[in-house]
Amino acid sequence: MIAAQAVALGGPREYEQLCRGCGLGNFSTDVLQQDGRFHSRKPLNDLDLLEPVTRSLVQQVIQEAGTLGISLMAFETYRSQDRQLDLFDQGKSQLHTVGVHHYGLACDLVRDVGGAPSWEGDFSFLKVITRRHRLIWGGDWGTPGQPHKLYDAVHVQRCSVARQGALFRGEWYPADDYDPYTDLDENGSITLMASAEVRRRKPRTIRLKSIGLKTTRTRVSVPHELLVGGAGGYSHLGEAGLVETRL
């Protein structure tokens, strides 16, 4: 109720001032789902539609790029499922289901050329800047040493690939002190036991009928290329639900 009133009175900023720390849901459920633009079919670049910590980090990235003589602007922050379907139908996206943008945790940053968005030029400079500000860059998904099927040079997000499944299922949302790089081990591989992607449960026994053996699922670290699409297949990730990367 408080969240809905805050949004009705002014928007995300009012929610941030009145509702944070009062034991409600999260920015996605309490603000974005109450916002009149929740089903917008247009690209939205309002930074207030980013979860507060994500918003602050994105602003810091923009500011640091500015000190290097690179003017950036947010092209898209929140994205609705309706818009994602439009992009898919128009052949502009390979994904028909919206991802991290839908939760206020992702932003597309493009060059600002006289107030107009531009995708021209090299965006690899974001690799260093975003990591410094603890955001994942869509050019390497936080693991530059791993091959990636999906490359999105203008995309940044405050969520590791390992956490996406739990985010999409509504089981997890980042706390203010969450650092997506803590989901990676010292070799840059995603460690599932450090993420909410693997549900906490007792190991289960899986029978391998074809060879008459059985094995028990225990703690595992999954190579990042298997999560975002690289060498290898996905069948053995079915148990963890890691078969699709959404943006």
Protein backbone atom coordinates (compact mmCIF):
# COMPACT_ATOMS: atom_id res chain seq x y z
CA MET A 1 0.00 0.00 0.00
CA ILE A 2 2.77 2.43 0.94
CA ALA A 3 4.66 1.59 -2.22
CA ALA A 4 1.62 2.14 -4.43
CA GLN A 5 0.93 5.48 -2.74
CA ALA A 6 4.54 6.59 -3.17
CA VAL A 7 4.48 5.75 -6.87
CA ALA A 8 1.08 7.44 -7.32
CA LEU A 9 2.31 10.59 -5.58
CA GLY A 10 5.43 11.02 -7.64
CA GLY A 11 7.22 7.93 -8.85
CA PRO A 12 10.31 5.85 -8.14
CA ARG A 13 12.10 8.61 -6.25
CA GLU A 14 9.24 8.88 -3.76
CA TYR A 15 9.37 5.13 -3.26
CA GLU A 16 13.08 5.35 -2.56
CA GLN A 17 12.52 8.00 0.09
CA LEU A 18 9.46 6.48 1.78
CA CYS A 19 9.70 2.74 1.36
CA ARG A 20 13.27 1.55 1.51
CA GLY A 21 13.94 -0.47 4.62
CA CYS A 22 10.27 -0.92 5.52
CA GLY A 23 10.21 -4.65 4.81
CA LEU A 24 8.29 -4.63 1.54
CA GLY A 25 9.12 -6.60 -1.61
CA ASN A 26 11.72 -5.04 -3.86
CA PHE A 27 12.09 -2.27 -6.41
CA SER A 28 10.73 -4.48 -9.18
CA THR A 29 7.57 -5.58 -7.41
CA ASP A 30 6.90 -2.39 -5.44
CA VAL A 31 7.77 0.21 -8.06
CA LEU A 32 8.10 -1.08 -11.60
CA GLN A 33 4.99 -3.24 -11.48
CA GLN A 34 3.03 -0.26 -10.13
CA ASP A 35 4.35 2.18 -12.72
CA GLY A 36 2.08 3.23 -15.58
CA ARG A 37 4.87 2.41 -18.04
CA PHE A 38 5.09 -1.23 -17.02
CA HIS A 39 3.66 -2.33 -20.39
CA SER A 40 5.29 0.42 -22.47
CA ARG A 41 6.12 -0.57 -26.04
CA LYS A 42 8.56 2.33 -26.36
CA PRO A 43 12.21 2.37 -25.22
CA LEU A 44 12.45 4.05 -21.82
CA ASN A 45 15.65 5.81 -20.76
CA ASP A 46 14.46 7.14 -17.40
CA LEU A 47 17.23 6.43 -14.89
CA ASP A 48 14.63 6.53 -12.12
CA LEU A 49 13.39 3.21 -13.47
CA LEU A 50 16.66 1.62 -12.37
CA GLU A 51 16.93 0.13 -8.90
CA PRO A 52 18.65 2.83 -6.76
CA VAL A 53 22.07 1.16 -6.38
CA THR A 54 22.13 0.21 -10.06
CA ARG A 55 21.14 3.76 -10.97
CA SER A 56 23.98 5.23 -8.92
CA LEU A 57 26.54 2.89 -10.48
CA VAL A 58 25.32 3.64 -14.00
CA GLN A 59 25.60 7.36 -13.29
CA GLN A 60 29.16 6.83 -12.06
CA VAL A 61 30.03 4.98 -15.28
CA ILE A 62 28.61 7.85 -17.35
CA GLN A 63 30.56 10.38 -15.30
CA GLU A 64 33.85 8.48 -15.56
CA ALA A 65 33.43 8.08 -19.31
CA GLY A 66 32.91 11.84 -19.47
CA THR A 67 36.31 12.42 -17.86
CA LEU A 68 37.78 10.44 -20.76
CA GLY A 69 36.05 12.68 -23.26
CA ILE A 70 33.34 10.13 -24.05
CA SER A 71 29.78 11.38 -23.74
CA LEU A 72 27.33 8.63 -22.90
CA MET A 73 23.58 8.51 -22.46
CA ALA A 74 21.13 5.88 -21.32
CA PHE A 75 19.18 4.58 -24.29
CA GLU A 76 17.12 2.02 -22.41
CA THR A 77 16.68 1.22 -18.73
CA TYR A 78 13.43 -0.62 -17.99
CA ARG A 79 12.00 -2.81 -20.77
CA SER A 80 8.56 -4.40 -20.77
CA GLN A 81 7.67 -7.87 -21.97
CA ASP A 82 5.42 -6.21 -24.55
CA ARG A 83 8.35 -4.31 -26.05
CA GLN A 84 10.55 -7.41 -25.99
CA LEU A 85 7.95 -9.31 -28.03
CA ASP A 86 7.80 -6.42 -30.51
CA LEU A 87 11.59 -6.53 -30.91
CA PHE A 88 11.48 -10.29 -31.39
CA ASP A 89 8.68 -10.06 -33.98
CA GLN A 90 10.62 -7.35 -35.85
CA GLY A 91 13.73 -9.52 -35.94
CA LYS A 92 15.65 -7.05 -33.77
CA SER A 93 16.16 -9.53 -30.94
CA GLN A 94 16.68 -13.26 -30.75
CA LEU A 95 14.98 -13.36 -27.37
CA HIS A 96 11.22 -13.44 -27.03
CA THR A 97 11.24 -13.18 -23.24
CA VAL A 98 12.49 -10.03 -21.55
CA GLY A 99 15.38 -10.36 -19.12
CA VAL A 100 17.30 -8.26 -16.61
CA HIS A 101 16.06 -4.96 -18.07
CA HIS A 102 12.61 -5.91 -16.80
CA TYR A 103 13.77 -5.77 -13.18
CA GLY A 104 15.45 -2.36 -13.09
CA LEU A 105 18.90 -3.91 -13.02
CA ALA A 106 20.18 -3.29 -16.57
CA CYS A 107 20.87 -0.35 -18.82
CA ASP A 108 21.98 0.17 -22.42
CA LEU A 109 24.55 2.96 -22.67
CA VAL A 110 25.25 4.54 -26.05
CA ARG A 111 27.17 7.58 -27.23
CA ASP A 112 25.54 10.96 -26.91
CA VAL A 113 26.11 12.83 -30.19
CA GLY A 114 24.46 16.21 -29.98
CA GLY A 115 21.70 14.79 -27.81
CA ALA A 116 21.02 11.87 -30.18
CA PRO A 117 21.90 8.23 -29.41
CA SER A 118 24.69 6.65 -31.43
CA TRP A 119 25.95 3.06 -31.54
CA GLU A 120 28.94 4.00 -33.70
CA GLY A 121 32.47 3.31 -32.57
CA ASP A 122 34.17 0.99 -30.12
CA PHE A 123 32.55 0.43 -26.72
CA SER A 124 35.26 -1.81 -25.29
CA PHE A 125 36.25 0.98 -22.90
CA LEU A 126 33.18 -0.05 -20.89
CA LYS A 127 34.94 -3.28 -19.96
CA VAL A 128 37.26 -1.51 -17.53
CA ILE A 129 34.91 1.20 -16.32
CA THR A 130 31.96 -1.09 -15.58
CA ARG A 131 34.12 -3.57 -13.71
CA ARG A 132 35.52 -0.77 -11.58
CA HIS A 133 31.96 0.13 -10.63
CA ARG A 134 30.94 -3.51 -10.10
CA LEU A 135 28.62 -3.81 -13.08
CA ILE A 136 28.67 -6.67 -15.57
CA TRP A 137 29.43 -5.63 -19.16
CA GLY A 138 27.58 -7.38 -21.99
CA GLY A 139 30.80 -7.63 -23.96
CA ASP A 140 32.23 -10.33 -21.70
CA TRP A 141 29.53 -11.02 -19.06
CA GLY A 142 32.12 -10.65 -16.30
CA THR A 143 34.29 -13.49 -17.59
CA PRO A 144 36.59 -12.13 -20.34
CA GLY A 145 38.54 -15.37 -20.53
CA GLN A 146 35.51 -17.39 -21.58
CA PRO A 147 33.86 -17.60 -25.04
CA HIS A 148 30.39 -16.11 -25.33
CA LYS A 149 27.55 -16.70 -27.72
CA LEU A 150 25.92 -13.36 -26.97
CA TYR A 151 27.80 -10.06 -27.33
CA ASP A 152 26.12 -6.79 -26.37
CA ALA A 153 28.69 -3.99 -26.18
CA VAL A 154 26.30 -1.33 -24.85
CA HIS A 155 24.65 -3.44 -22.16
CA VAL A 156 25.51 -3.28 -18.43
CA GLN A 157 23.76 -5.00 -15.52
CA ARG A 158 24.01 -5.50 -11.76
CA CYS A 159 23.36 -9.21 -11.85
CA SER A 160 25.66 -12.08 -12.72
CA VAL A 161 24.58 -14.60 -15.33
CA ALA A 162 24.47 -17.23 -12.57
CA ARG A 163 21.82 -15.27 -10.68
CA GLN A 164 19.53 -14.59 -13.63
CA GLY A 165 17.45 -17.75 -13.29
CA ALA A 166 16.64 -17.03 -9.65
CA LEU A 167 15.86 -13.41 -10.54
CA PHE A 168 13.45 -14.44 -13.30
CA ARG A 169 11.73 -16.97 -11.02
CA GLY A 170 11.19 -14.31 -8.35
CA GLU A 171 13.40 -16.12 -5.83
CA TRP A 172 16.11 -13.48 -5.55
CA TYR A 173 16.69 -9.74 -5.87
CA PRO A 174 20.02 -8.04 -5.12
CA ALA A 175 20.64 -6.42 -1.76
CA ASP A 176 22.26 -3.01 -1.68
CA ASP A 177 25.69 -4.50 -0.97
CA TYR A 178 25.48 -7.20 -3.65
CA ASP A 179 28.54 -7.43 -5.90
CA PRO A 180 28.00 -9.64 -8.99
CA TYR A 181 31.71 -10.40 -9.16
CA THR A 182 31.46 -12.37 -5.91
CA ASP A 183 29.67 -15.02 -7.99
CA LEU A 184 32.93 -15.72 -9.83
CA ASP A 185 35.84 -17.79 -8.59
CA GLU A 186 39.51 -16.82 -8.81
CA ASN A 187 39.66 -18.20 -12.35
CA GLY A 188 36.76 -16.09 -13.57
CA SER A 189 34.31 -18.99 -13.75
CA ILE A 190 30.84 -18.73 -12.31
CA THR A 191 30.54 -20.59 -9.03
CA LEU A 192 27.00 -21.81 -8.68
CA MET A 193 27.26 -22.52 -4.97
CA ALA A 194 27.95 -18.82 -4.44
CA SER A 195 24.78 -17.87 -6.28
CA ALA A 196 21.06 -18.25 -5.79
CA GLU A 197 20.83 -20.04 -9.13
CA VAL A 198 21.15 -23.42 -7.42
CA ARG A 199 18.37 -23.90 -4.93
CA ARG A 200 19.49 -24.98 -1.48
CA ARG A 201 18.44 -28.58 -1.17
CA LYS A 202 19.75 -32.01 -0.30
CA PRO A 203 21.79 -33.77 -2.96
CA ARG A 204 19.59 -36.03 -5.04
CA THR A 205 20.44 -39.38 -6.50
CA ILE A 206 20.29 -39.66 -10.28
CA ARG A 207 20.22 -43.13 -11.82
CA LEU A 208 22.07 -43.65 -15.07
CA LYS A 209 19.97 -46.50 -16.41
CA SER A 210 21.93 -46.98 -19.60
CA ILE A 211 25.03 -48.09 -17.75
CA GLY A 212 23.47 -49.23 -14.51
CA LEU A 213 25.18 -46.60 -12.38
CA LYS A 214 23.97 -43.90 -10.06
CA THR A 215 25.51 -40.65 -8.95
CA THR A 216 24.71 -37.89 -6.52
CA ARG A 217 24.50 -34.20 -7.41
CA THR A 218 26.85 -32.24 -5.17
CA ARG A 219 28.56 -28.88 -5.31
CA VAL A 220 29.63 -27.89 -8.79
CA SER A 221 31.20 -24.95 -10.63
CA VAL A 222 29.84 -24.57 -14.14
CA PRO A 223 32.01 -23.04 -16.89
CA HIS A 224 30.59 -19.69 -17.94
CA GLU A 225 30.45 -20.54 -21.65
CA LEU A 226 27.82 -23.17 -20.87
CA LEU A 227 25.62 -20.52 -19.30
CA VAL A 228 25.72 -17.89 -22.01
CA GLY A 229 26.28 -20.21 -24.93
CA GLY A 230 29.72 -21.31 -26.01
CA ALA A 231 31.31 -24.62 -26.70
CA GLY A 232 29.33 -27.58 -25.46
CA GLY A 233 25.67 -28.31 -24.92
CA TYR A 234 23.04 -27.53 -22.33
CA SER A 235 21.47 -30.89 -21.48
CA HIS A 236 23.43 -31.37 -18.27
CA LEU A 237 22.39 -27.88 -17.07
CA GLY A 238 18.70 -28.72 -17.16
CA GLU A 239 18.67 -29.56 -13.49
CA ALA A 240 19.89 -26.06 -12.65
CA GLY A 241 17.59 -24.42 -15.18
CA LEU A 242 20.49 -22.72 -16.94
CA VAL A 243 19.40 -22.97 -20.55
CA GLU A 244 18.77 -19.36 -21.57
CA THR A 245 20.41 -15.97 -21.13
CA ARG A 246 18.11 -12.98 -21.22
CA LEU A 247 19.01 -9.30 -21.29
